[in-house]
Structure formats: C-alpha cells, structure tokens
Amino acid sequence: MKPWSYSSVSTFKQCPKKYYHLRVLKDVKDGTSAALVYGRDVHTAAERYIRDGTELPRQYKFMQATLDAFNAIEGEKHCEIRFGVKRSFRTSQPAPDLEYEPCKFFDADVWWRGIADLLIINKDKAFIVDYKTGKNTNYADTKQLDLLAGATFLHYPEVKKIKSALSFVVCNGFISKEHTADMYKSYMNVFDAELERIEVALEKDVWNPVESGLCGFCPVTSCEHNRR
C-alpha cells in the first residue's frame, strides 16, 4: 500500500470515489476553496508567531491568547514538524509481531506520514497541538492525535508521556488527550479497519461514490452526485 496520512483516510471515509480520483488516478486536485486558504493562512500565522516571534496579522489577533498559552509551556518547540513511520513484520511465536520504526517523511519505505502543527519536548514529557479552524468542535476526530503521539514516541524515545490537543482557535474550543509510551502501537493502528477497506478497494478496483452535502464542493465533476 502507498504511504498514507490522516487526510487521505479522511478522504476515503468521506467518499471512496473522491479518494480514487485524488489519490490513485490523480486526474483531479482539491481546489483552493476559501475555507482551505483560510486554514492555511491561520496555520502559517501561528507557526511564524511561535517559531519566529512574528506579530500576528490584525485579522488573526483573536488567537493570540491561545498561542501565548502554548508559548508559555516550557520545552523545545517544533512547528510544522514532519514525521514518517515505517512498519514491518518480525517473525515470532505464536504469530508474527508488527513493528513500527521512525523514518524520514519522504523515505522510500515510509508507511505513514503526518505533520504536527506544534510539538513541545520537555525531557520525558511532550505536548502536541493541532490547530483547527472549524466553527465548533462537533465531529472532532481525536484519532489524529493518537497517530501524532505514536510517531512522537518513536522519534523521541526519551518521551514517556504526552498531552495532546485539538485547538479550535476560532471558536476557542479545546479537546485534549493523554498518551503513554507503552501504548504507542495501539496509537499507530487506530485506522487499521479503514486501511483494510482501502486495500480491498484497491484490490477489487471498486470505488463507490457517497452522496453528501459535500458533493457541492467536490472537485470530481465526473461523478453523478457532483452539484458544482
């Protein structure tokens, strides 16, 4: 299976046909909607504020208090840090054992790729933040935090405990989790069921469309449900 990410799995869950055109056939690309552009600009402003001390543009001052709170956390700060993880099966009894190892983002044998918006390392503890620009915390998926925590434990073996959070900077929402190093494997396999479904779709070459309210924004204009 080709390298995957949280966003690619999310696309498949949203609509297998969209996943096929964006990730397999690659005959269309996601457009630059106003929401996507806004999200990217918010992330860039937050990164520059934390990493470089660059003043927030006036339109993003609303998140300064939140970013100041993150800035006040002690530790080595990494903004937009890229993680790669590879996996292998080690022969053992009574059954093969699945192993995960750290690797670079673009390594040839990378299995999963992810980016942490903010990672703070303080000795054997770490703090992970993923910024969200949604207007509410409904339907927030904390599995993304599990993946980032598992990758952090692999890349920083000195870290034993992690606090992670989805920070909804627009609506001031905050969803947090805690992670321990002994559970890293369970964090890395939180999407095994979805990955298996993608494998089946690839094997059978079946990509059934899913009609939803998002069809009006989908770039796959050849789909019968597209309403653009």
C-alpha atoms as a PDB file:
ATOM      1  CA  MET A   1       0.000   0.000   0.000  1.00  0.00           C
ATOM      2  CA  LYS A   2       1.215   3.502  -0.818  1.00  0.00           C
ATOM      3  CA  PRO A   3       2.088   5.861   2.074  1.00  0.00           C
ATOM      4  CA  TRP A   4      -0.996   7.205   3.797  1.00  0.00           C
ATOM      5  CA  SER A   5      -1.919  10.077   6.066  1.00  0.00           C
ATOM      6  CA  TYR A   6      -4.804  11.120   8.275  1.00  0.00           C
ATOM      7  CA  SER A   7      -6.122  13.346   5.482  1.00  0.00           C
ATOM      8  CA  SER A   8      -6.040  10.549   2.893  1.00  0.00           C
ATOM      9  CA  VAL A   9      -8.013   8.210   5.161  1.00  0.00           C
ATOM     10  CA  SER A  10     -10.470  11.025   5.874  1.00  0.00           C
ATOM     11  CA  THR A  11     -10.954  11.500   2.132  1.00  0.00           C
ATOM     12  CA  PHE A  12     -11.685   7.786   1.663  1.00  0.00           C
ATOM     13  CA  LYS A  13     -14.181   7.790   4.543  1.00  0.00           C
ATOM     14  CA  GLN A  14     -15.873  10.841   3.024  1.00  0.00           C
ATOM     15  CA  CYS A  15     -16.114   9.246  -0.430  1.00  0.00           C
ATOM     16  CA  PRO A  16     -14.141   6.349  -1.977  1.00  0.00           C
ATOM     17  CA  LYS A  17     -14.691   7.761  -5.472  1.00  0.00           C
ATOM     18  CA  LYS A  18     -13.164  11.090  -4.441  1.00  0.00           C
ATOM     19  CA  TYR A  19     -10.213   9.214  -2.908  1.00  0.00           C
ATOM     20  CA  TYR A  20      -9.725   7.293  -6.155  1.00  0.00           C
ATOM     21  CA  HIS A  21      -9.523  10.397  -8.306  1.00  0.00           C
ATOM     22  CA  LEU A  22      -7.385  12.422  -5.871  1.00  0.00           C
ATOM     23  CA  ARG A  23      -5.069   9.722  -4.515  1.00  0.00           C
ATOM     24  CA  VAL A  24      -4.961   6.880  -7.042  1.00  0.00           C
ATOM     25  CA  LEU A  25      -5.789   8.146 -10.527  1.00  0.00           C
ATOM     26  CA  LYS A  26      -4.677  11.703  -9.641  1.00  0.00           C
ATOM     27  CA  ASP A  27      -6.635  13.210 -12.509  1.00  0.00           C
ATOM     28  CA  VAL A  28      -8.112  15.971 -10.319  1.00  0.00           C
ATOM     29  CA  LYS A  29      -6.852  18.125  -7.483  1.00  0.00           C
ATOM     30  CA  ASP A  30      -8.568  19.631  -4.484  1.00  0.00           C
ATOM     31  CA  GLY A  31      -9.425  23.219  -5.235  1.00  0.00           C
ATOM     32  CA  THR A  32      -8.318  26.227  -3.232  1.00  0.00           C
ATOM     33  CA  SER A  33     -11.620  26.955  -1.549  1.00  0.00           C
ATOM     34  CA  ALA A  34     -11.967  29.936   0.765  1.00  0.00           C
ATOM     35  CA  ALA A  35     -12.022  27.586   3.763  1.00  0.00           C
ATOM     36  CA  LEU A  36      -8.810  25.834   2.699  1.00  0.00           C
ATOM     37  CA  VAL A  37      -6.999  29.107   2.060  1.00  0.00           C
ATOM     38  CA  TYR A  38      -8.159  30.499   5.391  1.00  0.00           C
ATOM     39  CA  GLY A  39      -6.994  27.387   7.236  1.00  0.00           C
ATOM     40  CA  ARG A  40      -3.566  27.523   5.615  1.00  0.00           C
ATOM     41  CA  ASP A  41      -3.188  31.229   6.426  1.00  0.00           C
ATOM     42  CA  VAL A  42      -4.122  30.642  10.069  1.00  0.00           C
ATOM     43  CA  HIS A  43      -1.589  27.817  10.367  1.00  0.00           C
ATOM     44  CA  THR A  44       1.131  29.952   8.764  1.00  0.00           C
ATOM     45  CA  ALA A  45       0.432  32.870  11.088  1.00  0.00           C
ATOM     46  CA  ALA A  46       0.511  30.604  14.155  1.00  0.00           C
ATOM     47  CA  GLU A  47       3.752  28.965  13.011  1.00  0.00           C
ATOM     48  CA  ARG A  48       5.510  32.279  12.483  1.00  0.00           C
ATOM     49  CA  TYR A  49       4.270  33.635  15.810  1.00  0.00           C
ATOM     50  CA  ILE A  50       5.517  30.641  17.810  1.00  0.00           C
ATOM     51  CA  ARG A  51       8.695  29.940  15.843  1.00  0.00           C
ATOM     52  CA  ASP A  52       9.900  33.435  14.935  1.00  0.00           C
ATOM     53  CA  GLY A  53       8.002  35.769  17.230  1.00  0.00           C
ATOM     54  CA  THR A  54       6.419  37.437  14.187  1.00  0.00           C
ATOM     55  CA  GLU A  55       3.474  39.611  15.156  1.00  0.00           C
ATOM     56  CA  LEU A  56       0.097  38.182  14.236  1.00  0.00           C
ATOM     57  CA  PRO A  57      -1.694  39.960  11.390  1.00  0.00           C
ATOM     58  CA  ARG A  58      -4.613  42.026  12.639  1.00  0.00           C
ATOM     59  CA  GLN A  59      -7.217  39.560  11.326  1.00  0.00           C
ATOM     60  CA  TYR A  60      -5.697  36.743  13.392  1.00  0.00           C
ATOM     61  CA  LYS A  61      -5.287  38.580  16.692  1.00  0.00           C
ATOM     62  CA  PHE A  62      -8.201  36.554  18.044  1.00  0.00           C
ATOM     63  CA  MET A  63      -5.889  33.583  18.633  1.00  0.00           C
ATOM     64  CA  GLN A  64      -3.065  35.437  20.361  1.00  0.00           C
ATOM     65  CA  ALA A  65      -4.148  34.467  23.885  1.00  0.00           C
ATOM     66  CA  THR A  66      -4.265  30.808  22.863  1.00  0.00           C
ATOM     67  CA  LEU A  67      -0.849  30.930  21.216  1.00  0.00           C
ATOM     68  CA  ASP A  68       0.622  32.805  24.187  1.00  0.00           C
ATOM     69  CA  ALA A  69      -0.558  29.973  26.432  1.00  0.00           C
ATOM     70  CA  PHE A  70       1.221  27.452  24.227  1.00  0.00           C
ATOM     71  CA  ASN A  71       4.316  29.660  24.103  1.00  0.00           C
ATOM     72  CA  ALA A  72       4.430  29.687  27.885  1.00  0.00           C
ATOM     73  CA  ILE A  73       4.782  25.896  28.072  1.00  0.00           C
ATOM     74  CA  GLU A  74       8.373  25.005  28.876  1.00  0.00           C
ATOM     75  CA  GLY A  75      10.330  22.935  26.408  1.00  0.00           C
ATOM     76  CA  GLU A  76      11.868  22.801  22.949  1.00  0.00           C
ATOM     77  CA  LYS A  77       9.287  23.919  20.396  1.00  0.00           C
ATOM     78  CA  HIS A  78       8.943  22.438  16.902  1.00  0.00           C
ATOM     79  CA  CYS A  79       6.494  23.985  14.434  1.00  0.00           C
ATOM     80  CA  GLU A  80       5.047  22.047  11.492  1.00  0.00           C
ATOM     81  CA  ILE A  81       7.291  19.077  12.262  1.00  0.00           C
ATOM     82  CA  ARG A  82       7.109  16.240   9.752  1.00  0.00           C
ATOM     83  CA  PHE A  83       7.015  12.613  10.858  1.00  0.00           C
ATOM     84  CA  GLY A  84       7.478   9.408   8.922  1.00  0.00           C
ATOM     85  CA  VAL A  85       6.832   5.908  10.232  1.00  0.00           C
ATOM     86  CA  LYS A  86       7.590   2.586   8.588  1.00  0.00           C
ATOM     87  CA  ARG A  87       6.417  -0.826   9.668  1.00  0.00           C
ATOM     88  CA  SER A  88       7.497  -4.408   9.281  1.00  0.00           C
ATOM     89  CA  PHE A  89       6.553  -7.873  10.485  1.00  0.00           C
ATOM     90  CA  ARG A  90       9.014  -9.623  12.764  1.00  0.00           C
ATOM     91  CA  THR A  91       8.781 -13.399  12.816  1.00  0.00           C
ATOM     92  CA  SER A  92       7.919 -14.632  16.277  1.00  0.00           C
ATOM     93  CA  GLN A  93       5.871 -17.285  18.002  1.00  0.00           C
ATOM     94  CA  PRO A  94       2.977 -17.921  18.108  1.00  0.00           C
ATOM     95  CA  ALA A  95       2.352 -15.202  15.487  1.00  0.00           C
ATOM     96  CA  PRO A  96       4.319 -12.564  13.563  1.00  0.00           C
ATOM     97  CA  ASP A  97       4.782  -9.338  15.510  1.00  0.00           C
ATOM     98  CA  LEU A  98       4.068  -5.980  13.882  1.00  0.00           C
ATOM     99  CA  GLU A  99       6.850  -3.450  14.420  1.00  0.00           C
ATOM    100  CA  TYR A 100       6.915   0.320  13.862  1.00  0.00           C
ATOM    101  CA  GLU A 101      10.060   2.375  13.305  1.00  0.00           C
ATOM    102  CA  PRO A 102      10.764   6.091  12.798  1.00  0.00           C
ATOM    103  CA  CYS A 103      11.848   7.233   9.353  1.00  0.00           C
ATOM    104  CA  LYS A 104      12.018  10.394   7.268  1.00  0.00           C
ATOM    105  CA  PHE A 105       8.938  11.924   5.683  1.00  0.00           C
ATOM    106  CA  PHE A 106       9.956  11.025   2.114  1.00  0.00           C
ATOM    107  CA  ASP A 107      11.839   7.765   2.729  1.00  0.00           C
ATOM    108  CA  ALA A 108      11.178   5.114   0.105  1.00  0.00           C
ATOM    109  CA  ASP A 109       9.762   2.690   2.680  1.00  0.00           C
ATOM    110  CA  VAL A 110       7.647   5.191   4.622  1.00  0.00           C
ATOM    111  CA  TRP A 111       4.259   3.731   5.608  1.00  0.00           C
ATOM    112  CA  TRP A 112       2.574   6.734   7.298  1.00  0.00           C
ATOM    113  CA  ARG A 113       3.196  10.467   7.084  1.00  0.00           C
ATOM    114  CA  GLY A 114       1.987  13.147   9.467  1.00  0.00           C
ATOM    115  CA  ILE A 115       2.667  16.741  10.469  1.00  0.00           C
ATOM    116  CA  ALA A 116       2.306  18.143  13.983  1.00  0.00           C
ATOM    117  CA  ASP A 117       1.395  21.830  13.984  1.00  0.00           C
ATOM    118  CA  LEU A 118       3.225  22.284  17.285  1.00  0.00           C
ATOM    119  CA  LEU A 119       5.333  19.833  19.273  1.00  0.00           C
ATOM    120  CA  ILE A 120       6.917  20.797  22.590  1.00  0.00           C
ATOM    121  CA  ILE A 121       9.523  18.454  24.084  1.00  0.00           C
ATOM    122  CA  ASN A 122      10.404  18.830  27.754  1.00  0.00           C
ATOM    123  CA  LYS A 123      12.660  15.966  28.885  1.00  0.00           C
ATOM    124  CA  ASP A 124      10.431  12.868  29.189  1.00  0.00           C
ATOM    125  CA  LYS A 125       7.198  14.771  28.513  1.00  0.00           C
ATOM    126  CA  ALA A 126       5.745  16.287  25.364  1.00  0.00           C
ATOM    127  CA  PHE A 127       2.809  18.420  24.269  1.00  0.00           C
ATOM    128  CA  ILE A 128       1.206  18.203  20.811  1.00  0.00           C
ATOM    129  CA  VAL A 129      -1.164  20.757  19.302  1.00  0.00           C
ATOM    130  CA  ASP A 130      -3.165  20.547  16.112  1.00  0.00           C
ATOM    131  CA  TYR A 131      -4.860  23.805  15.123  1.00  0.00           C
ATOM    132  CA  LYS A 132      -8.415  23.670  13.802  1.00  0.00           C
ATOM    133  CA  THR A 133     -10.385  26.483  12.191  1.00  0.00           C
ATOM    134  CA  GLY A 134     -13.827  24.906  12.468  1.00  0.00           C
ATOM    135  CA  LYS A 135     -16.649  26.949  13.930  1.00  0.00           C
ATOM    136  CA  ASN A 136     -17.403  24.299  16.567  1.00  0.00           C
ATOM    137  CA  THR A 137     -15.933  21.101  17.990  1.00  0.00           C
ATOM    138  CA  ASN A 138     -18.694  18.833  16.682  1.00  0.00           C
ATOM    139  CA  TYR A 139     -17.421  15.700  14.968  1.00  0.00           C
ATOM    140  CA  ALA A 140     -13.830  16.308  16.106  1.00  0.00           C
ATOM    141  CA  ASP A 141     -11.687  13.234  15.451  1.00  0.00           C
ATOM    142  CA  THR A 142      -9.010  12.713  18.096  1.00  0.00           C
ATOM    143  CA  LYS A 143      -7.530   9.711  16.287  1.00  0.00           C
ATOM    144  CA  GLN A 144      -5.287  12.211  14.534  1.00  0.00           C
ATOM    145  CA  LEU A 145      -3.766  12.973  17.934  1.00  0.00           C
ATOM    146  CA  ASP A 146      -3.177   9.270  18.543  1.00  0.00           C
ATOM    147  CA  LEU A 147      -1.166   8.984  15.336  1.00  0.00           C
ATOM    148  CA  LEU A 148       0.942  12.038  16.160  1.00  0.00           C
ATOM    149  CA  ALA A 149       1.554  10.758  19.689  1.00  0.00           C
ATOM    150  CA  GLY A 150       2.629   7.350  18.438  1.00  0.00           C
ATOM    151  CA  ALA A 151       5.034   8.953  15.974  1.00  0.00           C
ATOM    152  CA  THR A 152       6.454  11.215  18.676  1.00  0.00           C
ATOM    153  CA  PHE A 153       7.191   8.247  20.925  1.00  0.00           C
ATOM    154  CA  LEU A 154       9.028   6.592  18.030  1.00  0.00           C
ATOM    155  CA  HIS A 155      11.045   9.653  17.024  1.00  0.00           C
ATOM    156  CA  TYR A 156      11.735  10.792  20.594  1.00  0.00           C
ATOM    157  CA  PRO A 157      12.215   7.601  22.639  1.00  0.00           C
ATOM    158  CA  GLU A 158      13.070   9.642  25.731  1.00  0.00           C
ATOM    159  CA  VAL A 159       9.466  10.863  25.845  1.00  0.00           C
ATOM    160  CA  LYS A 160       7.251   8.749  28.109  1.00  0.00           C
ATOM    161  CA  LYS A 161       4.101  10.851  28.432  1.00  0.00           C
ATOM    162  CA  ILE A 162       2.290  13.162  26.020  1.00  0.00           C
ATOM    163  CA  LYS A 163      -0.563  15.604  26.368  1.00  0.00           C
ATOM    164  CA  SER A 164      -2.172  16.402  23.034  1.00  0.00           C
ATOM    165  CA  ALA A 165      -4.940  18.725  21.927  1.00  0.00           C
ATOM    166  CA  LEU A 166      -7.111  19.828  19.073  1.00  0.00           C
ATOM    167  CA  SER A 167      -7.172  23.600  19.476  1.00  0.00           C
ATOM    168  CA  PHE A 168     -10.130  25.217  17.727  1.00  0.00           C
ATOM    169  CA  VAL A 169      -8.668  28.703  17.519  1.00  0.00           C
ATOM    170  CA  VAL A 170     -11.757  30.357  16.012  1.00  0.00           C
ATOM    171  CA  CYS A 171     -14.394  29.143  18.477  1.00  0.00           C
ATOM    172  CA  ASN A 172     -11.990  28.740  21.434  1.00  0.00           C
ATOM    173  CA  GLY A 173     -12.724  25.022  21.654  1.00  0.00           C
ATOM    174  CA  PHE A 174     -10.211  22.626  23.146  1.00  0.00           C
ATOM    175  CA  ILE A 175     -10.205  18.820  23.108  1.00  0.00           C
ATOM    176  CA  SER A 176      -7.332  17.064  24.840  1.00  0.00           C
ATOM    177  CA  LYS A 177      -5.986  13.549  25.325  1.00  0.00           C
ATOM    178  CA  GLU A 178      -3.172  11.891  27.236  1.00  0.00           C
ATOM    179  CA  HIS A 179      -0.839   9.207  25.907  1.00  0.00           C
ATOM    180  CA  THR A 180       1.806   6.889  27.373  1.00  0.00           C
ATOM    181  CA  ALA A 181       4.798   5.366  25.597  1.00  0.00           C
ATOM    182  CA  ASP A 182       3.833   1.761  26.376  1.00  0.00           C
ATOM    183  CA  MET A 183       0.713   2.175  24.214  1.00  0.00           C
ATOM    184  CA  TYR A 184       2.425   3.519  21.087  1.00  0.00           C
ATOM    185  CA  LYS A 185       1.489   0.532  18.915  1.00  0.00           C
ATOM    186  CA  SER A 186      -2.211   0.976  19.661  1.00  0.00           C
ATOM    187  CA  TYR A 187      -1.931   4.625  18.603  1.00  0.00           C
ATOM    188  CA  MET A 188      -0.383   3.696  15.274  1.00  0.00           C
ATOM    189  CA  ASN A 189      -3.078   1.160  14.377  1.00  0.00           C
ATOM    190  CA  VAL A 190      -6.192   3.259  15.124  1.00  0.00           C
ATOM    191  CA  PHE A 191      -7.058   3.293  11.409  1.00  0.00           C
ATOM    192  CA  ASP A 192      -6.363  -0.364  10.636  1.00  0.00           C
ATOM    193  CA  ALA A 193     -10.011  -1.024   9.759  1.00  0.00           C
ATOM    194  CA  GLU A 194     -10.116   1.900   7.328  1.00  0.00           C
ATOM    195  CA  LEU A 195      -6.773   0.913   5.788  1.00  0.00           C
ATOM    196  CA  GLU A 196      -8.100  -2.597   5.232  1.00  0.00           C
ATOM    197  CA  ARG A 197     -11.098  -1.174   3.395  1.00  0.00           C
ATOM    198  CA  ILE A 198      -8.781   0.892   1.202  1.00  0.00           C
ATOM    199  CA  GLU A 199      -6.738  -2.242   0.448  1.00  0.00           C
ATOM    200  CA  VAL A 200      -9.911  -4.082  -0.591  1.00  0.00           C
ATOM    201  CA  ALA A 201     -10.963  -1.178  -2.819  1.00  0.00           C
ATOM    202  CA  LEU A 202      -7.529  -1.179  -4.463  1.00  0.00           C
ATOM    203  CA  GLU A 203      -7.588  -4.932  -4.957  1.00  0.00           C
ATOM    204  CA  LYS A 204     -11.100  -5.042  -6.421  1.00  0.00           C
ATOM    205  CA  ASP A 205     -10.887  -1.630  -8.096  1.00  0.00           C
ATOM    206  CA  VAL A 206     -14.287  -0.662  -6.707  1.00  0.00           C
ATOM    207  CA  TRP A 207     -14.779   2.974  -5.680  1.00  0.00           C
ATOM    208  CA  ASN A 208     -18.410   3.586  -4.856  1.00  0.00           C
ATOM    209  CA  PRO A 209     -19.400   7.254  -4.511  1.00  0.00           C
ATOM    210  CA  VAL A 210     -21.038   8.531  -1.324  1.00  0.00           C
ATOM    211  CA  GLU A 211     -23.583  11.311  -1.715  1.00  0.00           C
ATOM    212  CA  SER A 212     -23.469  14.025   0.943  1.00  0.00           C
ATOM    213  CA  GLY A 213     -23.694  17.750   1.477  1.00  0.00           C
ATOM    214  CA  LEU A 214     -20.038  17.968   0.479  1.00  0.00           C
ATOM    215  CA  CYS A 215     -20.802  16.950  -3.113  1.00  0.00           C
ATOM    216  CA  GLY A 216     -21.365  20.611  -3.917  1.00  0.00           C
ATOM    217  CA  PHE A 217     -17.693  21.318  -3.213  1.00  0.00           C
ATOM    218  CA  CYS A 218     -16.108  18.183  -4.671  1.00  0.00           C
ATOM    219  CA  PRO A 219     -13.547  18.573  -7.499  1.00  0.00           C
ATOM    220  CA  VAL A 220     -14.596  15.254  -9.082  1.00  0.00           C
ATOM    221  CA  THR A 221     -17.001  16.775 -11.600  1.00  0.00           C
ATOM    222  CA  SER A 222     -17.397  13.471 -13.471  1.00  0.00           C
ATOM    223  CA  CYS A 223     -19.302  11.977 -10.519  1.00  0.00           C
ATOM    224  CA  GLU A 224     -23.069  11.627 -10.891  1.00  0.00           C
ATOM    225  CA  HIS A 225     -23.583  13.236  -7.485  1.00  0.00           C
ATOM    226  CA  ASN A 226     -21.465  16.327  -8.160  1.00  0.00           C
ATOM    227  CA  ARG A 227     -23.504  19.512  -7.831  1.00  0.00           C
ATOM    228  CA  ARG A 228     -20.905  22.107  -8.808  1.00  0.00           C
END
